[in-house]
Each structure stands twice: as C-alpha cells, then as structure tokens.
C-alpha atoms as a PDB file:
ATOM      1  CA  GLN A   1     -89.433 -14.182-102.801  1.00  0.00           C
ATOM      2  CA  GLY A   2     -93.225 -13.782-102.510  1.00  0.00           C
ATOM      3  CA  GLN A   3     -94.050 -14.405-106.126  1.00  0.00           C
ATOM      4  CA  LEU A   4     -97.754 -14.355-106.849  1.00  0.00           C
ATOM      5  CA  VAL A   5     -99.283 -15.432-110.144  1.00  0.00           C
ATOM      6  CA  GLU A   6    -102.908 -14.765-111.019  1.00  0.00           C
ATOM      7  CA  SER A   7    -105.033 -16.627-113.520  1.00  0.00           C
ATOM      8  CA  GLY A   8    -108.673 -17.014-114.455  1.00  0.00           C
ATOM      9  CA  GLY A   9    -109.524 -13.629-115.892  1.00  0.00           C
ATOM     10  CA  GLY A  10    -111.387 -13.213-119.135  1.00  0.00           C
ATOM     11  CA  LEU A  11    -114.459 -11.887-120.867  1.00  0.00           C
ATOM     12  CA  VAL A  12    -117.867 -12.639-119.402  1.00  0.00           C
ATOM     13  CA  GLN A  13    -121.375 -11.306-119.900  1.00  0.00           C
ATOM     14  CA  ALA A  14    -123.105  -9.331-117.200  1.00  0.00           C
ATOM     15  CA  GLY A  15    -124.634 -11.669-114.656  1.00  0.00           C
ATOM     16  CA  GLY A  16    -121.993 -14.295-115.255  1.00  0.00           C
ATOM     17  CA  SER A  17    -119.291 -15.686-112.999  1.00  0.00           C
ATOM     18  CA  LEU A  18    -115.539 -16.033-112.956  1.00  0.00           C
ATOM     19  CA  ARG A  19    -113.121 -17.611-110.541  1.00  0.00           C
ATOM     20  CA  LEU A  20    -109.707 -16.055-110.169  1.00  0.00           C
ATOM     21  CA  SER A  21    -106.783 -18.012-108.793  1.00  0.00           C
ATOM     22  CA  CYS A  22    -103.573 -16.811-107.207  1.00  0.00           C
ATOM     23  CA  ALA A  23    -100.671 -19.191-106.840  1.00  0.00           C
ATOM     24  CA  ALA A  24     -97.974 -18.285-104.331  1.00  0.00           C
ATOM     25  CA  SER A  25     -94.391 -19.474-104.631  1.00  0.00           C
ATOM     26  CA  ARG A  26     -94.248 -20.110-100.889  1.00  0.00           C
ATOM     27  CA  SER A  27     -96.590 -20.908 -98.026  1.00  0.00           C
ATOM     28  CA  ILE A  28     -99.370 -18.343 -97.783  1.00  0.00           C
ATOM     29  CA  TYR A  29     -98.921 -18.498 -94.030  1.00  0.00           C
ATOM     30  CA  THR A  30     -95.772 -16.428 -94.517  1.00  0.00           C
ATOM     31  CA  PHE A  31     -98.130 -13.554 -95.306  1.00  0.00           C
ATOM     32  CA  ASP A  32    -100.154 -11.861 -92.588  1.00  0.00           C
ATOM     33  CA  ALA A  33    -102.989 -11.577 -95.088  1.00  0.00           C
ATOM     34  CA  MET A  34    -103.770 -12.240 -98.729  1.00  0.00           C
ATOM     35  CA  GLY A  35    -105.993 -10.039-100.785  1.00  0.00           C
ATOM     36  CA  TRP A  36    -107.486  -9.228-104.129  1.00  0.00           C
ATOM     37  CA  PHE A  37    -107.369  -5.695-105.481  1.00  0.00           C
ATOM     38  CA  ARG A  38    -108.642  -4.264-108.723  1.00  0.00           C
ATOM     39  CA  GLN A  39    -107.891  -1.249-110.848  1.00  0.00           C
ATOM     40  CA  ALA A  40    -110.170   0.057-113.554  1.00  0.00           C
ATOM     41  CA  PRO A  41    -108.932   2.487-116.219  1.00  0.00           C
ATOM     42  CA  GLY A  42    -108.568   5.977-114.802  1.00  0.00           C
ATOM     43  CA  LYS A  43    -109.331   4.832-111.260  1.00  0.00           C
ATOM     44  CA  GLN A  44    -107.304   4.081-108.191  1.00  0.00           C
ATOM     45  CA  ARG A  45    -106.533   0.542-107.161  1.00  0.00           C
ATOM     46  CA  GLU A  46    -109.055  -0.654-104.604  1.00  0.00           C
ATOM     47  CA  LEU A  47    -109.243  -3.549-102.193  1.00  0.00           C
ATOM     48  CA  VAL A  48    -111.828  -6.112-103.226  1.00  0.00           C
ATOM     49  CA  ALA A  49    -111.437  -8.737-100.519  1.00  0.00           C
ATOM     50  CA  SER A  50    -108.894 -10.031 -98.070  1.00  0.00           C
ATOM     51  CA  ILE A  51    -108.305 -13.030 -95.863  1.00  0.00           C
ATOM     52  CA  ILE A  52    -106.025 -12.936 -92.856  1.00  0.00           C
ATOM     53  CA  SER A  53    -103.853 -15.790 -91.691  1.00  0.00           C
ATOM     54  CA  GLY A  54    -106.484 -16.835 -89.141  1.00  0.00           C
ATOM     55  CA  GLY A  55    -109.077 -17.146 -91.903  1.00  0.00           C
ATOM     56  CA  THR A  56    -111.206 -14.080 -91.276  1.00  0.00           C
ATOM     57  CA  THR A  57    -112.399 -12.477 -94.491  1.00  0.00           C
ATOM     58  CA  ASN A  58    -113.179  -8.883 -95.363  1.00  0.00           C
ATOM     59  CA  TYR A  59    -114.965  -7.428 -98.388  1.00  0.00           C
ATOM     60  CA  ALA A  60    -115.526  -4.052 -99.941  1.00  0.00           C
ATOM     61  CA  ASP A  61    -119.166  -3.098 -99.540  1.00  0.00           C
ATOM     62  CA  SER A  62    -119.945  -3.284-103.251  1.00  0.00           C
ATOM     63  CA  MET A  63    -118.681  -6.869-103.438  1.00  0.00           C
ATOM     64  CA  LYS A  64    -120.423  -8.301-100.393  1.00  0.00           C
ATOM     65  CA  GLY A  65    -122.758 -11.097-101.354  1.00  0.00           C
ATOM     66  CA  ARG A  66    -121.326 -11.375-104.870  1.00  0.00           C
ATOM     67  CA  PHE A  67    -117.634 -12.155-104.333  1.00  0.00           C
ATOM     68  CA  THR A  68    -116.075 -14.809-102.126  1.00  0.00           C
ATOM     69  CA  ILE A  69    -112.422 -15.063-101.200  1.00  0.00           C
ATOM     70  CA  SER A  70    -111.062 -18.431-100.147  1.00  0.00           C
ATOM     71  CA  ARG A  71    -107.779 -20.219 -99.861  1.00  0.00           C
ATOM     72  CA  ASP A  72    -106.207 -23.632-100.116  1.00  0.00           C
ATOM     73  CA  THR A  73    -103.213 -23.675 -97.802  1.00  0.00           C
ATOM     74  CA  ALA A  74    -102.041 -27.044 -99.102  1.00  0.00           C
ATOM     75  CA  LYS A  75    -101.779 -25.578-102.603  1.00  0.00           C
ATOM     76  CA  ASN A  76    -100.549 -22.160-101.459  1.00  0.00           C
ATOM     77  CA  ALA A  77    -103.403 -20.650-103.384  1.00  0.00           C
ATOM     78  CA  VAL A  78    -106.023 -17.976-102.901  1.00  0.00           C
ATOM     79  CA  TYR A  79    -109.187 -17.693-104.949  1.00  0.00           C
ATOM     80  CA  LEU A  80    -111.788 -15.081-105.743  1.00  0.00           C
ATOM     81  CA  GLN A  81    -115.175 -16.376-106.834  1.00  0.00           C
ATOM     82  CA  MET A  82    -117.071 -13.596-108.561  1.00  0.00           C
ATOM     83  CA  ASN A  83    -120.786 -13.987-109.228  1.00  0.00           C
ATOM     84  CA  SER A  84    -123.430 -11.673-110.653  1.00  0.00           C
ATOM     85  CA  LEU A  85    -120.758  -9.708-112.442  1.00  0.00           C
ATOM     86  CA  LYS A  86    -121.520  -6.207-113.623  1.00  0.00           C
ATOM     87  CA  PRO A  87    -119.876  -4.081-116.308  1.00  0.00           C
ATOM     88  CA  GLU A  88    -118.485  -1.876-113.540  1.00  0.00           C
ATOM     89  CA  ASP A  89    -116.513  -4.880-112.276  1.00  0.00           C
ATOM     90  CA  THR A  90    -114.336  -4.601-115.374  1.00  0.00           C
ATOM     91  CA  ALA A  91    -110.764  -4.068-114.200  1.00  0.00           C
ATOM     92  CA  VAL A  92    -107.367  -5.635-113.810  1.00  0.00           C
ATOM     93  CA  TYR A  93    -107.468  -7.816-110.724  1.00  0.00           C
ATOM     94  CA  TYR A  94    -104.350  -8.229-108.624  1.00  0.00           C
ATOM     95  CA  CYS A  95    -103.427 -10.721-105.961  1.00  0.00           C
ATOM     96  CA  ALA A  96    -101.401  -9.313-103.085  1.00  0.00           C
ATOM     97  CA  GLY A  97     -99.690 -10.403 -99.905  1.00  0.00           C
ATOM     98  CA  GLU A  98     -99.462  -8.329 -96.752  1.00  0.00           C
ATOM     99  CA  ARG A  99     -96.597  -8.235 -94.283  1.00  0.00           C
ATOM    100  CA  ALA A 100     -96.498  -5.983 -91.201  1.00  0.00           C
ATOM    101  CA  GLY A 101     -99.466  -3.964 -92.352  1.00  0.00           C
ATOM    102  CA  LEU A 102     -98.167  -3.296 -95.841  1.00  0.00           C
ATOM    103  CA  TRP A 103     -99.261  -4.861 -99.114  1.00  0.00           C
ATOM    104  CA  VAL A 104     -95.778  -5.532-100.405  1.00  0.00           C
ATOM    105  CA  TYR A 105     -96.153  -8.542-102.677  1.00  0.00           C
ATOM    106  CA  TRP A 106     -98.076  -8.244-105.913  1.00  0.00           C
ATOM    107  CA  GLY A 107     -98.927 -10.383-108.873  1.00  0.00           C
ATOM    108  CA  GLN A 108     -98.889  -9.168-112.446  1.00  0.00           C
ATOM    109  CA  GLY A 109    -102.663  -8.880-112.639  1.00  0.00           C
ATOM    110  CA  THR A 110    -105.354 -10.536-114.700  1.00  0.00           C
ATOM    111  CA  GLN A 111    -107.896  -8.723-116.854  1.00  0.00           C
ATOM    112  CA  VAL A 112    -111.597  -9.166-116.169  1.00  0.00           C
ATOM    113  CA  THR A 113    -113.985  -7.692-118.703  1.00  0.00           C
ATOM    114  CA  VAL A 114    -117.736  -7.777-118.177  1.00  0.00           C
ATOM    115  CA  SER A 115    -119.864  -6.979-121.203  1.00  0.00           C
ATOM    116  CA  SER A 116    -123.341  -5.524-120.906  1.00  0.00           C
END
C-alpha cells in the first residue's frame, strides 16, 4: 500500500542546506497530492509544502523562498530542498500522500537538526 520512505535528514549548521527525499512504493500519481510536514518537540505537526498531481506547489509562509518541493514521477519520488536553514527548522520531517482530501499515507520521518 502507499509506503513512503524518507531519507536525507541530518545535522547541519544554520545557513546550510539539506535535501530530503521521499520514495514511494507506487506511482505518485495514485496520490492526489504529496507533501512534506514537520513536527518539532512539543509542537503540532505542520504542513511545510505540497505538490498536487497537476504540479502546482504550495508552501507555508515561513518556508517560502527557502524551501522547494519537487518530484520525479519516473522515480516515484518527491524531494524537499531546504536552504538557509534556521535552528527553528529543527524537527522530524514527514513525507505524506493525500487521497480524497485526507493525508492518509505517511512515512516514518527523518530528523533534521539545525545548530546555531
């Protein structure tokens, strides 16, 4: 079923960059949208960026201009390029797939830690 596996997290200094990858076990076109969420300790999970099946992207305001979501349909993969990272970007980042308006498929998450 819609297995999603994230990779690419790690420790980076403030101002640095990371690229997260999400590999899907089936065609990403089977999802209405793919997205990246994050959850910091003691905070609610929040949407970082999403890309719908038609290719339109959407970003949380605090990520605009710093993060870029993209996809490779041939590889069934979605990526999140994160630049100018800040300590407040530290969180577990999750890949997710949406069907019928619900984010129902989730990866296990990958830790991103930004040191000051």
